Amino acid sequence: MYWLQRPPYLRWAAAVLVILGALTWDLRGTPTAMHPFAARPIEAGARLEADDVEWREIPAHVLTPPALQGVVTAIAVAEGEPITAALLAEPTDVPEDWVALPVDVGVHAVRGARVVLIIVDPPASVPGIVVEPQSGDPYSLDFSPAVIAVPGDRAVDVAVAAASGRVVAAVAP
C-alpha cells in the first residue's frame, strides 16, 4: 500500500541543506580593498600629491592599486576617476647635454615617448624625448606645445625649424 510508505526524510534534509547553503553563500560579505581615485581634476604631466588622491573602498580584485610614489599622470585625469597604472608614468628628466624646446608634435606623443624630429629643409632628423605632452586645441587659447628634449648640439636647428614650421615629429612605437 502506497500510503503506508515512510516519508522522504532524506530528500527533505537534502533540500534544507541546499537552501541553507545557498542562503549562506548569498549572505556572505564580499571582500573589499582600498583603491585610489582622483580627488580633483589632474592635468597631464602633473606629479601626484597626497591631496590629489582619495581612497575609496571597492570590491577586491576589481582593480590593482598602482604605485603612487614619484609618478606623474600620463594623461589628464577627471575628478572621481580611478587611478590605474595605465594613467601613470615615470617622470621624464632631460638627459645631460640635452635641452628642452617647445615643439608642436600632436596629441599622440605622451610623456617619455621617443620621437624623431624631421627637419624638412635642409633634410635632417634629430632624436628627442617628450618631457611635457602637448595640451589643448591648436586653434584655441588654451594650447601649449609639447616640450621635447633634444641633443644640445642640434637645438638651434630644431628651434629654427620649429619656429618656421619646417619640422615634423614621428613618434616611435
Protein backbone atom coordinates (compact mmCIF):
# COMPACT_ATOMS: atom_id res chain seq x y z
CA MET A 1 0.00 0.00 0.00
CA TYR A 2 1.34 3.30 -1.11
CA TRP A 3 0.07 5.46 1.79
CA LEU A 4 1.92 3.38 4.34
CA GLN A 5 5.41 4.25 2.99
CA ARG A 6 7.82 6.24 5.12
CA PRO A 7 8.02 9.99 4.35
CA PRO A 8 11.12 11.09 2.27
CA TYR A 9 13.11 12.45 5.25
CA LEU A 10 16.44 12.27 3.40
CA ARG A 11 15.14 14.33 0.46
CA TRP A 12 13.73 16.91 2.84
CA ALA A 13 17.04 17.10 4.72
CA ALA A 14 18.95 17.48 1.43
CA ALA A 15 16.60 20.26 0.29
CA VAL A 16 17.04 22.09 3.62
CA LEU A 17 20.85 21.80 3.34
CA VAL A 18 20.82 23.14 -0.24
CA ILE A 19 18.66 26.09 0.84
CA LEU A 20 20.89 26.81 3.87
CA GLY A 21 24.00 26.60 1.69
CA ALA A 22 22.52 29.00 -0.87
CA LEU A 23 21.45 31.40 1.87
CA THR A 24 24.92 31.30 3.44
CA TRP A 25 26.54 31.89 0.04
CA ASP A 26 24.20 34.81 -0.66
CA LEU A 27 24.62 36.49 2.72
CA ARG A 28 28.39 36.24 2.95
CA GLY A 29 30.21 39.56 2.63
CA THR A 30 32.16 40.42 -0.47
CA PRO A 31 35.84 41.20 0.17
CA THR A 32 36.79 44.83 -0.36
CA ALA A 33 40.03 46.74 -0.84
CA MET A 34 41.04 50.40 -0.81
CA HIS A 35 41.81 51.97 -4.21
CA PRO A 36 42.97 55.49 -5.19
CA PHE A 37 40.60 57.83 -7.04
CA ALA A 38 41.24 61.37 -8.27
CA ALA A 39 40.03 63.85 -5.65
CA ARG A 40 40.03 66.67 -8.24
CA PRO A 41 40.89 67.07 -11.94
CA ILE A 42 44.58 66.38 -12.55
CA GLU A 43 46.36 67.72 -15.63
CA ALA A 44 48.52 65.53 -17.84
CA GLY A 45 52.13 65.50 -16.65
CA ALA A 46 51.34 66.62 -13.10
CA ARG A 47 53.08 64.93 -10.20
CA LEU A 48 50.67 63.10 -7.94
CA GLU A 49 50.45 64.64 -4.48
CA ALA A 50 48.71 63.21 -1.41
CA ASP A 51 45.81 65.67 -1.69
CA ASP A 52 45.20 64.64 -5.33
CA VAL A 53 44.20 61.15 -4.21
CA GLU A 54 41.05 60.00 -2.45
CA TRP A 55 40.95 56.39 -1.20
CA ARG A 56 37.68 54.52 -1.65
CA GLU A 57 36.54 51.02 -0.82
CA ILE A 58 35.80 48.85 -3.87
CA PRO A 59 35.29 45.09 -4.36
CA ALA A 60 38.61 43.28 -4.08
CA HIS A 61 40.38 42.09 -7.25
CA VAL A 62 38.48 44.54 -9.49
CA LEU A 63 41.42 46.95 -9.88
CA THR A 64 45.06 46.57 -8.94
CA PRO A 65 46.29 49.57 -6.93
CA PRO A 66 49.25 51.26 -8.65
CA ALA A 67 52.44 52.54 -7.04
CA LEU A 68 51.90 56.27 -6.43
CA GLN A 69 55.37 57.32 -5.27
CA GLY A 70 57.27 59.61 -7.63
CA VAL A 71 54.94 59.26 -10.63
CA VAL A 72 53.19 61.71 -12.91
CA THR A 73 49.96 61.42 -14.85
CA ALA A 74 50.43 60.36 -18.47
CA ILE A 75 47.07 61.88 -19.47
CA ALA A 76 44.54 64.20 -17.85
CA VAL A 77 42.53 62.50 -15.09
CA ALA A 78 38.98 63.64 -14.32
CA GLU A 79 37.67 64.06 -10.80
CA GLY A 80 36.36 60.78 -9.36
CA GLU A 81 38.15 58.62 -11.94
CA PRO A 82 40.04 55.58 -10.57
CA ILE A 83 43.80 55.96 -10.76
CA THR A 84 45.32 52.95 -12.51
CA ALA A 85 48.83 52.09 -13.68
CA ALA A 86 47.83 52.89 -17.28
CA LEU A 87 47.21 56.52 -16.32
CA LEU A 88 50.62 56.98 -14.69
CA ALA A 89 54.16 57.35 -15.99
CA GLU A 90 57.62 57.79 -14.61
CA PRO A 91 58.79 61.42 -14.66
CA THR A 92 60.95 62.20 -17.67
CA ASP A 93 64.15 64.06 -16.98
CA VAL A 94 66.18 65.87 -19.61
CA PRO A 95 69.39 63.88 -20.27
CA GLU A 96 72.71 65.57 -19.65
CA ASP A 97 73.87 67.86 -22.51
CA TRP A 98 70.33 67.96 -23.91
CA VAL A 99 67.98 70.94 -23.91
CA ALA A 100 64.19 71.12 -23.86
CA LEU A 101 62.33 73.06 -26.57
CA PRO A 102 58.64 73.67 -27.28
CA VAL A 103 57.67 71.84 -30.47
CA ASP A 104 54.21 71.12 -31.92
CA VAL A 105 54.18 67.31 -32.14
CA GLY A 106 50.49 66.46 -31.80
CA VAL A 107 48.49 64.88 -29.03
CA HIS A 108 49.66 61.33 -29.81
CA ALA A 109 53.04 61.92 -28.11
CA VAL A 110 52.85 61.15 -24.39
CA ARG A 111 55.35 61.87 -21.65
CA GLY A 112 58.55 59.84 -22.07
CA ALA A 113 57.83 58.89 -25.68
CA ARG A 114 60.78 58.82 -28.03
CA VAL A 115 60.31 60.99 -31.10
CA VAL A 116 62.28 61.73 -34.22
CA LEU A 117 62.05 65.38 -35.28
CA ILE A 118 62.36 65.53 -39.04
CA ILE A 119 63.52 68.89 -40.34
CA VAL A 120 62.18 69.43 -43.85
CA ASP A 121 64.59 71.99 -45.28
CA PRO A 122 67.50 71.14 -45.21
CA PRO A 123 66.59 67.48 -44.63
CA ALA A 124 67.75 66.21 -41.25
CA SER A 125 66.48 64.12 -38.37
CA VAL A 126 67.01 64.74 -34.67
CA PRO A 127 66.14 62.30 -31.85
CA GLY A 128 64.05 63.61 -28.99
CA ILE A 129 62.19 62.68 -25.81
CA VAL A 130 58.82 64.14 -24.81
CA VAL A 131 59.26 65.90 -21.45
CA GLU A 132 55.81 67.54 -21.34
CA PRO A 133 52.99 66.40 -23.62
CA GLN A 134 51.09 68.84 -25.79
CA SER A 135 47.81 70.08 -24.36
CA GLY A 136 44.81 71.94 -25.70
CA ASP A 137 43.50 72.57 -29.18
CA PRO A 138 45.99 74.27 -31.53
CA TYR A 139 43.20 76.62 -32.67
CA SER A 140 42.21 77.80 -29.19
CA LEU A 141 43.68 79.95 -26.45
CA ASP A 142 44.47 77.05 -24.09
CA PHE A 143 47.06 75.47 -26.45
CA SER A 144 50.56 74.71 -25.27
CA PRO A 145 53.03 72.80 -27.46
CA ALA A 146 54.92 69.76 -26.24
CA VAL A 147 58.29 70.21 -24.60
CA ILE A 148 60.83 67.99 -26.35
CA ALA A 149 64.36 67.28 -25.13
CA VAL A 150 66.91 67.25 -27.98
CA PRO A 151 70.70 66.97 -28.06
CA GLY A 152 72.29 70.33 -27.26
CA ASP A 153 74.32 70.48 -30.48
CA ARG A 154 71.12 70.16 -32.58
CA ALA A 155 68.94 72.54 -30.51
CA VAL A 156 69.46 75.54 -32.80
CA ASP A 157 68.46 73.57 -35.91
CA VAL A 158 65.30 72.28 -34.21
CA ALA A 159 64.37 75.69 -32.76
CA VAL A 160 64.70 77.46 -36.13
CA ALA A 161 62.79 74.71 -37.96
CA ALA A 162 60.03 74.67 -35.31
CA ALA A 163 59.64 78.43 -35.40
CA SER A 164 59.25 78.40 -39.18
CA GLY A 165 57.00 75.32 -39.31
CA ARG A 166 59.56 73.11 -41.04
CA VAL A 167 59.61 70.27 -38.50
CA VAL A 168 57.52 67.08 -38.41
CA ALA A 169 57.50 64.74 -35.43
CA ALA A 170 57.48 60.97 -35.79
CA VAL A 171 56.64 59.09 -32.60
CA ALA A 172 58.44 55.80 -32.07
CA PRO A 173 56.14 52.87 -31.23
